[in-house]
Amino acid sequence: MDSSSRKIELQSPEDFTYLIDNVRRAATDSINAAFPPVEGADGQEDELRVRIEQMVNDYINQTFTLAAPNLSINGLPVDPSHFVSSSASTSSSATTPLVQYEPFDPRKRYRMEDLAREEEDLLRSIAALKRRVPAATAGAYAAAGKNGMAADEAALEAAKARVESEGAASGRKALEGVRALDRQEELEEEFAATVETLGRLKRDMPATVAKMERARVAAGYVATEL
């Protein structure tokens, strides 16, 4: 191989396996078309078909072994011994479930990296919200409660002022047009004298009651002596 030639670059070992499996599958289809698989009377497979399968498989292994120096996987040399086997045969691979690999698509890789970064950004946003939202919610709730209480108190004061204003206005309005009573001064003097008499009676009542109690006790004593 010319050292100045550029190697064929593969992204992963699965890409090399994908190429080998496709070639082997195409060779198997061609052999099946030319030599349909049949069994003899003694249960032995067609010896010619088996021989051809071995030769084709050896050719495929030799081809990829010789091509391996011209290939690189992520910039590293390819070891064909991990992918081809001189003892493997097409017939044995036909009985094994075929594992197919999707060709490498750089667009999907870039998309996967973008999604991974987006997931990290979302996780950071969620963590920030967990730290910030509860405190902000509690503060907003407390502020709303204080504002509500202040609004209620202001409404109560306004209602009280309105009631007092309306009451004073209605009292003044009720007294409007009422003329002075006849004997106004005389009635006021009699009312004041009555209030003073009641006050005096209230003050003298305890002493009077005490005198009556002593008189009752004395009367009972005298009645007992007689």
Protein backbone atom coordinates (compact mmCIF):
# COMPACT_ATOMS: atom_id res chain seq x y z
CA MET A 1 0.00 0.00 0.00
CA ASP A 2 1.25 3.48 -0.80
CA SER A 3 1.87 5.28 2.50
CA SER A 4 0.82 8.56 0.89
CA SER A 5 -2.67 7.28 0.08
CA ARG A 6 -5.43 8.25 2.41
CA LYS A 7 -7.10 5.42 4.31
CA ILE A 8 -10.81 4.75 4.20
CA GLU A 9 -12.14 6.06 7.50
CA LEU A 10 -14.73 4.13 9.49
CA GLN A 11 -16.42 5.50 12.58
CA SER A 12 -16.82 2.28 14.59
CA PRO A 13 -16.05 -1.47 14.44
CA GLU A 14 -19.74 -2.05 13.70
CA ASP A 15 -19.27 -0.33 10.33
CA PHE A 16 -16.59 -2.87 9.34
CA THR A 17 -18.78 -5.74 10.55
CA TYR A 18 -21.68 -4.31 8.55
CA LEU A 19 -19.60 -4.38 5.34
CA ILE A 20 -18.46 -7.99 5.88
CA ASP A 21 -22.00 -9.20 6.69
CA ASN A 22 -23.41 -7.55 3.60
CA VAL A 23 -20.82 -9.22 1.36
CA ARG A 24 -21.39 -12.61 2.97
CA ARG A 25 -25.15 -12.24 2.67
CA ALA A 26 -24.86 -11.38 -1.03
CA ALA A 27 -22.56 -14.39 -1.59
CA THR A 28 -25.01 -16.67 0.24
CA ASP A 29 -27.90 -15.45 -1.95
CA SER A 30 -25.84 -16.15 -5.11
CA ILE A 31 -24.88 -19.66 -3.93
CA ASN A 32 -28.50 -20.45 -3.01
CA ALA A 33 -29.60 -19.37 -6.47
CA ALA A 34 -26.96 -21.51 -8.23
CA PHE A 35 -26.99 -24.47 -5.82
CA PRO A 36 -30.31 -24.77 -3.98
CA PRO A 37 -29.72 -26.44 -0.62
CA VAL A 38 -30.74 -30.14 -0.75
CA GLU A 39 -30.03 -33.16 1.39
CA GLY A 40 -29.08 -36.60 0.14
CA ALA A 41 -30.72 -39.85 1.07
CA ASP A 42 -28.26 -40.39 3.89
CA GLY A 43 -28.86 -36.98 5.35
CA GLN A 44 -25.56 -35.53 4.06
CA GLU A 45 -25.49 -32.05 2.53
CA ASP A 46 -24.39 -31.46 -1.02
CA GLU A 47 -20.60 -31.78 -0.91
CA LEU A 48 -20.14 -29.49 -3.92
CA ARG A 49 -22.18 -26.74 -2.31
CA VAL A 50 -20.28 -27.09 0.95
CA ARG A 51 -16.95 -26.88 -0.88
CA ILE A 52 -18.04 -23.79 -2.84
CA GLU A 53 -19.27 -22.13 0.36
CA GLN A 54 -15.90 -22.72 2.01
CA MET A 55 -14.03 -21.33 -0.96
CA VAL A 56 -16.24 -18.23 -1.14
CA ASN A 57 -15.92 -17.66 2.59
CA ASP A 58 -12.14 -18.00 2.41
CA TYR A 59 -12.08 -15.53 -0.48
CA ILE A 60 -14.15 -13.00 1.51
CA ASN A 61 -11.90 -13.37 4.55
CA GLN A 62 -8.77 -12.96 2.44
CA THR A 63 -10.22 -9.92 0.66
CA PHE A 64 -11.04 -8.06 3.88
CA THR A 65 -7.76 -9.14 5.47
CA LEU A 66 -5.84 -7.59 2.57
CA ALA A 67 -8.10 -4.50 2.67
CA ALA A 68 -7.67 -3.94 6.42
CA PRO A 69 -4.37 -1.95 6.10
CA ASN A 70 -6.23 0.52 3.89
CA LEU A 71 -8.90 1.09 6.54
CA SER A 72 -8.96 2.93 9.87
CA ILE A 73 -11.53 3.00 12.67
CA ASN A 74 -11.61 6.38 14.39
CA GLY A 75 -8.05 6.94 13.16
CA LEU A 76 -6.77 3.61 14.51
CA PRO A 77 -5.53 0.67 12.39
CA VAL A 78 -7.89 -2.26 11.82
CA ASP A 79 -7.03 -5.76 13.10
CA PRO A 80 -8.86 -8.12 10.68
CA SER A 81 -8.49 -11.12 13.01
CA HIS A 82 -11.35 -9.79 15.12
CA PHE A 83 -13.72 -9.70 12.14
CA VAL A 84 -12.78 -12.59 9.83
CA SER A 85 -12.08 -16.24 10.61
CA SER A 86 -10.48 -18.80 8.27
CA SER A 87 -12.55 -21.57 9.84
CA ALA A 88 -15.88 -19.82 9.40
CA SER A 89 -18.15 -21.00 6.61
CA THR A 90 -21.12 -19.49 4.89
CA SER A 91 -23.31 -22.42 5.82
CA SER A 92 -22.63 -21.97 9.51
CA SER A 93 -23.34 -18.25 9.32
CA ALA A 94 -26.63 -18.99 7.56
CA THR A 95 -27.85 -20.97 10.59
CA THR A 96 -26.89 -18.15 12.95
CA PRO A 97 -29.33 -15.23 13.36
CA LEU A 98 -28.14 -12.40 11.18
CA VAL A 99 -27.20 -9.26 13.06
CA GLN A 100 -27.55 -6.21 10.86
CA TYR A 101 -26.01 -2.86 11.69
CA GLU A 102 -27.25 0.44 10.43
CA PRO A 103 -24.64 2.46 8.53
CA PHE A 104 -23.10 5.28 10.47
CA ASP A 105 -24.99 8.55 10.05
CA PRO A 106 -23.11 11.65 11.29
CA ARG A 107 -26.32 13.68 11.32
CA LYS A 108 -27.85 11.34 13.88
CA ARG A 109 -24.70 11.55 15.99
CA TYR A 110 -24.82 15.35 15.99
CA ARG A 111 -28.52 15.21 16.78
CA MET A 112 -27.83 12.89 19.71
CA GLU A 113 -25.20 15.29 21.04
CA ASP A 114 -27.65 18.21 20.72
CA LEU A 115 -30.30 16.26 22.60
CA ALA A 116 -27.80 15.36 25.33
CA ARG A 117 -26.87 19.04 25.76
CA GLU A 118 -30.55 20.01 25.79
CA GLU A 119 -31.21 17.41 28.48
CA GLU A 120 -28.40 18.82 30.62
CA ASP A 121 -29.75 22.36 30.19
CA LEU A 122 -33.22 21.21 31.23
CA LEU A 123 -31.85 19.42 34.28
CA ARG A 124 -30.00 22.58 35.34
CA SER A 125 -33.15 24.66 34.80
CA ILE A 126 -35.19 22.25 36.90
CA ALA A 127 -32.61 22.36 39.70
CA ALA A 128 -32.64 26.18 39.63
CA LEU A 129 -36.44 26.23 39.76
CA LYS A 130 -36.43 23.86 42.74
CA ARG A 131 -34.18 26.28 44.59
CA ARG A 132 -35.93 29.49 43.56
CA VAL A 133 -39.66 28.79 43.12
CA PRO A 134 -40.61 27.70 46.70
CA ALA A 135 -39.08 30.83 48.28
CA ALA A 136 -40.57 33.10 45.63
CA THR A 137 -43.99 31.48 46.03
CA ALA A 138 -43.91 31.81 49.81
CA GLY A 139 -42.85 35.46 49.54
CA ALA A 140 -45.59 36.22 47.03
CA TYR A 141 -48.18 34.50 49.23
CA ALA A 142 -47.06 36.48 52.30
CA ALA A 143 -47.09 39.75 50.37
CA ALA A 144 -50.56 38.98 49.02
CA GLY A 145 -51.76 38.27 52.56
CA LYS A 146 -50.35 41.56 53.88
CA ASN A 147 -51.85 43.50 50.97
CA GLY A 148 -55.20 41.83 51.55
CA MET A 149 -55.16 42.67 55.28
CA ALA A 150 -54.19 46.27 54.54
CA ALA A 151 -56.99 46.56 51.99
CA ASP A 152 -59.50 45.10 54.47
CA GLU A 153 -58.42 47.52 57.20
CA ALA A 154 -58.63 50.47 54.82
CA ALA A 155 -62.11 49.38 53.73
CA LEU A 156 -63.17 49.04 57.38
CA GLU A 157 -61.91 52.51 58.28
CA ALA A 158 -63.63 53.96 55.23
CA ALA A 159 -66.89 52.24 56.18
CA LYS A 160 -66.65 53.51 59.77
CA ALA A 161 -65.97 57.05 58.61
CA ARG A 162 -68.89 56.83 56.16
CA VAL A 163 -71.26 55.54 58.84
CA GLU A 164 -70.20 58.23 61.32
CA SER A 165 -70.54 60.93 58.68
CA GLU A 166 -73.94 59.65 57.57
CA GLY A 167 -75.09 59.31 61.21
CA ALA A 168 -74.07 62.85 62.12
CA ALA A 169 -75.61 64.19 58.95
CA SER A 170 -78.86 62.30 59.55
CA GLY A 171 -79.00 63.56 63.19
CA ARG A 172 -78.50 67.12 62.10
CA LYS A 173 -81.05 66.63 59.36
CA ALA A 174 -83.57 65.19 61.86
CA LEU A 175 -83.17 68.22 64.14
CA GLU A 176 -83.55 70.67 61.30
CA GLY A 177 -86.84 72.57 61.48
CA VAL A 178 -87.56 71.58 65.11
CA ARG A 179 -88.42 74.70 67.12
CA ALA A 180 -87.55 75.23 70.76
CA LEU A 181 -89.96 73.68 73.27
CA ASP A 182 -92.23 75.81 75.46
CA ARG A 183 -90.71 76.35 78.93
CA GLN A 184 -87.35 75.07 77.59
CA GLU A 185 -85.26 76.65 80.36
CA GLU A 186 -87.66 75.58 83.10
CA LEU A 187 -87.66 71.98 81.90
CA GLU A 188 -83.87 71.93 81.69
CA GLU A 189 -83.62 73.23 85.30
CA GLU A 190 -86.12 70.62 86.56
CA PHE A 191 -84.22 67.86 84.70
CA ALA A 192 -80.93 68.98 86.24
CA ALA A 193 -82.50 69.07 89.72
CA THR A 194 -83.93 65.59 89.24
CA VAL A 195 -80.56 64.24 88.14
CA GLU A 196 -78.92 65.84 91.20
CA THR A 197 -81.58 64.33 93.54
CA LEU A 198 -81.05 60.89 92.04
CA GLY A 199 -77.30 61.23 92.53
CA ARG A 200 -77.78 62.22 96.15
CA LEU A 201 -80.12 59.30 96.76
CA LYS A 202 -77.56 56.96 95.21
CA ARG A 203 -74.92 58.30 97.58
CA ASP A 204 -77.16 58.21 100.69
CA MET A 205 -78.78 54.84 99.95
CA PRO A 206 -76.03 52.64 101.50
CA ALA A 207 -76.13 54.59 104.79
CA THR A 208 -79.92 54.44 104.91
CA VAL A 209 -79.89 50.71 104.27
CA ALA A 210 -77.31 50.22 107.03
CA LYS A 211 -79.48 52.21 109.48
CA MET A 212 -82.53 50.10 108.58
CA GLU A 213 -80.52 46.91 109.13
CA ARG A 214 -79.35 48.05 112.57
CA ALA A 215 -82.89 49.09 113.49
CA ARG A 216 -84.21 45.66 112.45
CA VAL A 217 -81.59 43.90 114.53
CA ALA A 218 -82.37 46.11 117.54
CA ALA A 219 -86.10 45.54 117.17
CA GLY A 220 -85.55 41.79 117.07
CA TYR A 221 -83.42 41.93 120.22
CA VAL A 222 -86.02 43.98 122.11
CA ALA A 223 -88.81 41.63 121.04
CA THR A 224 -86.78 38.67 122.34
CA GLU A 225 -86.20 40.30 125.73
CA LEU A 226 -89.90 40.96 126.20
